[in-house]
Each structure stands twice: as structure tokens, then as C-alpha cells.
Amino acid sequence: QLQASGGGLVQPGESMRLSCAASGRIPSSNLMSWYRQAPGSEREWVARIIPGGTTGYADSVKGRFSISRDLAKKTVYLQMNSLKPEDTAVYYCYTYTFGRDFWGQGTLVTVSS
């Protein structure tokens, strides 16, 4: 019920936008987060947007990434600017509602020249 998209290959310094569309009964205003998992590493939190629109970011992406949402489309976006090779990872969207976790299927972002 969470569908992530928008990954691919980009060069260092370029930008990319990821999307995560919620379907079914997931409320459009629910807290939504992005996580990522690099090869050989544990999954780490990247950004969140809470009901009301307040956002938060991991230190590693602060100032470069921006999370936003379109309530009508039930879609959350992650705008990633000034990408670095260390941003290479599978990116997952996440929410918690109705007493359970919901994870998107993941979308691979590769930053390489």
C-alpha cells in the first residue's frame, strides 16, 4: 500500500526526486518517513514529515534533501539535491497506522560518475 518510485543512476552533484504513493486506507496526513539502506549497512532514517507539515532530517542529508507531501494525491516526495556517492542506497518510504508498519518496496538510487 506504499509504492515508491523515482530511483536511478545520477552523477555526483545532481538532483533526483523520489515519490511514495499511499493507497487504500492509509490516511493522507499520516506521519511519513524515508529510510535508506546502503550495501552492507543497516537501514537508516533519512527524513520525516508529520501531520501539520513539520519536517525533520538526518544530519547527513540536512540542507540537501527536502521532504514534502501532496495530500490530495496521498503522495510524499523526497527531493535530493547535491547528491554524493555516499547517498547510494535503496530508499524506502514508511508509515505506521492501524497498529502496523507499512514499508514501500524500495527504490535504488545510485550516485556515481
C-alpha atoms as a PDB file:
ATOM      1  CA  GLN A   1       0.000   0.000   0.000  1.00  0.00           C
ATOM      2  CA  LEU A   2       3.061   2.216  -0.292  1.00  0.00           C
ATOM      3  CA  GLN A   3       4.562   2.475  -3.762  1.00  0.00           C
ATOM      4  CA  ALA A   4       7.966   4.125  -4.073  1.00  0.00           C
ATOM      5  CA  SER A   5       9.374   5.304  -7.381  1.00  0.00           C
ATOM      6  CA  GLY A   6      11.897   7.661  -8.953  1.00  0.00           C
ATOM      7  CA  GLY A   7      15.248   5.987  -8.346  1.00  0.00           C
ATOM      8  CA  GLY A   8      18.011   5.541 -10.870  1.00  0.00           C
ATOM      9  CA  LEU A   9      21.580   6.497 -11.706  1.00  0.00           C
ATOM     10  CA  VAL A  10      22.809  10.061 -11.287  1.00  0.00           C
ATOM     11  CA  GLN A  11      26.181  11.750 -11.193  1.00  0.00           C
ATOM     12  CA  PRO A  12      27.575  13.399  -8.069  1.00  0.00           C
ATOM     13  CA  GLY A  13      26.159  16.876  -7.594  1.00  0.00           C
ATOM     14  CA  GLU A  14      22.973  16.159  -9.493  1.00  0.00           C
ATOM     15  CA  SER A  15      19.414  16.019  -8.161  1.00  0.00           C
ATOM     16  CA  MET A  16      16.681  13.421  -8.042  1.00  0.00           C
ATOM     17  CA  ARG A  17      13.143  13.260  -6.683  1.00  0.00           C
ATOM     18  CA  LEU A  18      11.604  10.172  -5.164  1.00  0.00           C
ATOM     19  CA  SER A  19       7.873   9.655  -4.779  1.00  0.00           C
ATOM     20  CA  CYS A  20       5.878   7.460  -2.430  1.00  0.00           C
ATOM     21  CA  ALA A  21       2.184   6.988  -3.134  1.00  0.00           C
ATOM     22  CA  ALA A  22      -0.104   5.640  -0.430  1.00  0.00           C
ATOM     23  CA  SER A  23      -3.169   3.642  -1.302  1.00  0.00           C
ATOM     24  CA  GLY A  24      -6.015   2.006   0.498  1.00  0.00           C
ATOM     25  CA  ARG A  25      -6.911   3.142   3.989  1.00  0.00           C
ATOM     26  CA  ILE A  26      -3.636   4.833   4.845  1.00  0.00           C
ATOM     27  CA  PRO A  27      -4.522   8.411   5.809  1.00  0.00           C
ATOM     28  CA  SER A  28      -3.017  11.018   3.526  1.00  0.00           C
ATOM     29  CA  SER A  29      -1.928  13.121   6.504  1.00  0.00           C
ATOM     30  CA  ASN A  30      -0.180  10.293   8.342  1.00  0.00           C
ATOM     31  CA  LEU A  31       3.393  10.642   9.537  1.00  0.00           C
ATOM     32  CA  MET A  32       5.576   9.535   6.639  1.00  0.00           C
ATOM     33  CA  SER A  33       9.287   8.794   6.663  1.00  0.00           C
ATOM     34  CA  TRP A  34      12.037   7.920   4.250  1.00  0.00           C
ATOM     35  CA  TYR A  35      14.732   5.437   5.182  1.00  0.00           C
ATOM     36  CA  ARG A  36      17.668   4.122   3.187  1.00  0.00           C
ATOM     37  CA  GLN A  37      19.923   1.108   3.238  1.00  0.00           C
ATOM     38  CA  ALA A  38      23.336   1.146   1.635  1.00  0.00           C
ATOM     39  CA  PRO A  39      25.078  -2.102   0.630  1.00  0.00           C
ATOM     40  CA  GLY A  40      26.480  -3.810   3.705  1.00  0.00           C
ATOM     41  CA  SER A  41      24.882  -1.308   6.068  1.00  0.00           C
ATOM     42  CA  GLU A  42      21.853  -1.185   8.296  1.00  0.00           C
ATOM     43  CA  ARG A  43      18.741   0.714   7.315  1.00  0.00           C
ATOM     44  CA  GLU A  44      18.888   4.322   8.488  1.00  0.00           C
ATOM     45  CA  TRP A  45      16.317   7.046   8.873  1.00  0.00           C
ATOM     46  CA  VAL A  46      16.580   9.914   6.391  1.00  0.00           C
ATOM     47  CA  ALA A  47      13.617  12.275   6.759  1.00  0.00           C
ATOM     48  CA  ARG A  48      10.070  12.567   8.125  1.00  0.00           C
ATOM     49  CA  ILE A  49       7.022  14.717   7.716  1.00  0.00           C
ATOM     50  CA  ILE A  50       4.361  14.744  10.406  1.00  0.00           C
ATOM     51  CA  PRO A  51       0.701  15.773  10.380  1.00  0.00           C
ATOM     52  CA  GLY A  52       0.728  19.555  10.131  1.00  0.00           C
ATOM     53  CA  GLY A  53       3.758  19.516   7.863  1.00  0.00           C
ATOM     54  CA  THR A  54       6.693  19.766  10.257  1.00  0.00           C
ATOM     55  CA  THR A  55       9.745  18.060   8.805  1.00  0.00           C
ATOM     56  CA  GLY A  56      12.904  16.505  10.206  1.00  0.00           C
ATOM     57  CA  TYR A  57      16.150  15.290   8.638  1.00  0.00           C
ATOM     58  CA  ALA A  58      19.158  13.192   9.435  1.00  0.00           C
ATOM     59  CA  ASP A  59      22.317  15.255   9.826  1.00  0.00           C
ATOM     60  CA  SER A  60      23.857  13.542   6.814  1.00  0.00           C
ATOM     61  CA  VAL A  61      21.211  14.972   4.457  1.00  0.00           C
ATOM     62  CA  LYS A  62      20.202  18.207   6.184  1.00  0.00           C
ATOM     63  CA  GLY A  63      20.368  21.132   3.798  1.00  0.00           C
ATOM     64  CA  ARG A  64      20.449  18.869   0.734  1.00  0.00           C
ATOM     65  CA  PHE A  65      17.249  16.799   0.969  1.00  0.00           C
ATOM     66  CA  SER A  66      13.702  18.063   1.320  1.00  0.00           C
ATOM     67  CA  ILE A  67      10.565  16.069   2.154  1.00  0.00           C
ATOM     68  CA  SER A  68       7.123  17.273   1.126  1.00  0.00           C
ATOM     69  CA  ARG A  69       3.646  15.895   0.531  1.00  0.00           C
ATOM     70  CA  ASP A  70       0.606  16.305  -1.667  1.00  0.00           C
ATOM     71  CA  LEU A  71      -2.381  15.404   0.493  1.00  0.00           C
ATOM     72  CA  ALA A  72      -4.786  15.205  -2.431  1.00  0.00           C
ATOM     73  CA  LYS A  73      -2.556  12.689  -4.213  1.00  0.00           C
ATOM     74  CA  LYS A  74      -1.607  10.872  -0.977  1.00  0.00           C
ATOM     75  CA  THR A  75       1.977  11.156  -2.132  1.00  0.00           C
ATOM     76  CA  VAL A  76       5.156  12.063  -0.284  1.00  0.00           C
ATOM     77  CA  TYR A  77       8.241  13.293  -2.095  1.00  0.00           C
ATOM     78  CA  LEU A  78      11.923  13.322  -1.271  1.00  0.00           C
ATOM     79  CA  GLN A  79      13.816  15.942  -3.237  1.00  0.00           C
ATOM     80  CA  MET A  80      17.510  15.121  -3.155  1.00  0.00           C
ATOM     81  CA  ASN A  81      19.994  17.772  -4.246  1.00  0.00           C
ATOM     82  CA  SER A  82      23.788  17.832  -4.362  1.00  0.00           C
ATOM     83  CA  LEU A  83      23.861  14.068  -4.322  1.00  0.00           C
ATOM     84  CA  LYS A  84      27.029  12.322  -3.160  1.00  0.00           C
ATOM     85  CA  PRO A  85      28.302   8.794  -3.803  1.00  0.00           C
ATOM     86  CA  GLU A  86      27.592   8.005  -0.143  1.00  0.00           C
ATOM     87  CA  ASP A  87      23.891   8.648  -0.805  1.00  0.00           C
ATOM     88  CA  THR A  88      23.847   5.458  -2.884  1.00  0.00           C
ATOM     89  CA  ALA A  89      21.271   3.165  -1.297  1.00  0.00           C
ATOM     90  CA  VAL A  90      17.881   1.589  -1.613  1.00  0.00           C
ATOM     91  CA  TYR A  91      15.363   4.155  -0.386  1.00  0.00           C
ATOM     92  CA  TYR A  92      12.190   3.079   1.416  1.00  0.00           C
ATOM     93  CA  CYS A  93       9.141   5.029   2.448  1.00  0.00           C
ATOM     94  CA  TYR A  94       7.482   4.114   5.718  1.00  0.00           C
ATOM     95  CA  THR A  95       4.433   4.818   7.804  1.00  0.00           C
ATOM     96  CA  TYR A  96       2.722   3.350  10.835  1.00  0.00           C
ATOM     97  CA  THR A  97      -1.037   3.139  11.117  1.00  0.00           C
ATOM     98  CA  PHE A  98      -3.760   0.739  12.231  1.00  0.00           C
ATOM     99  CA  GLY A  99      -1.260  -0.850  14.592  1.00  0.00           C
ATOM    100  CA  ARG A 100       1.245  -1.959  11.984  1.00  0.00           C
ATOM    101  CA  ASP A 101       4.196  -0.882   9.888  1.00  0.00           C
ATOM    102  CA  PHE A 102       3.882  -0.158   6.193  1.00  0.00           C
ATOM    103  CA  TRP A 103       7.018  -0.163   4.015  1.00  0.00           C
ATOM    104  CA  GLY A 104       7.307   0.679   0.361  1.00  0.00           C
ATOM    105  CA  GLN A 105       9.127  -1.787  -1.846  1.00  0.00           C
ATOM    106  CA  GLY A 106      12.279   0.319  -2.090  1.00  0.00           C
ATOM    107  CA  THR A 107      13.806   2.194  -4.971  1.00  0.00           C
ATOM    108  CA  LEU A 108      17.522   2.124  -5.787  1.00  0.00           C
ATOM    109  CA  VAL A 109      19.446   5.371  -6.028  1.00  0.00           C
ATOM    110  CA  THR A 110      22.968   5.124  -7.400  1.00  0.00           C
ATOM    111  CA  VAL A 111      25.244   8.155  -7.337  1.00  0.00           C
ATOM    112  CA  SER A 112      28.288   7.553  -9.471  1.00  0.00           C
ATOM    113  CA  SER A 113      30.357   9.183 -12.177  1.00  0.00           C
END
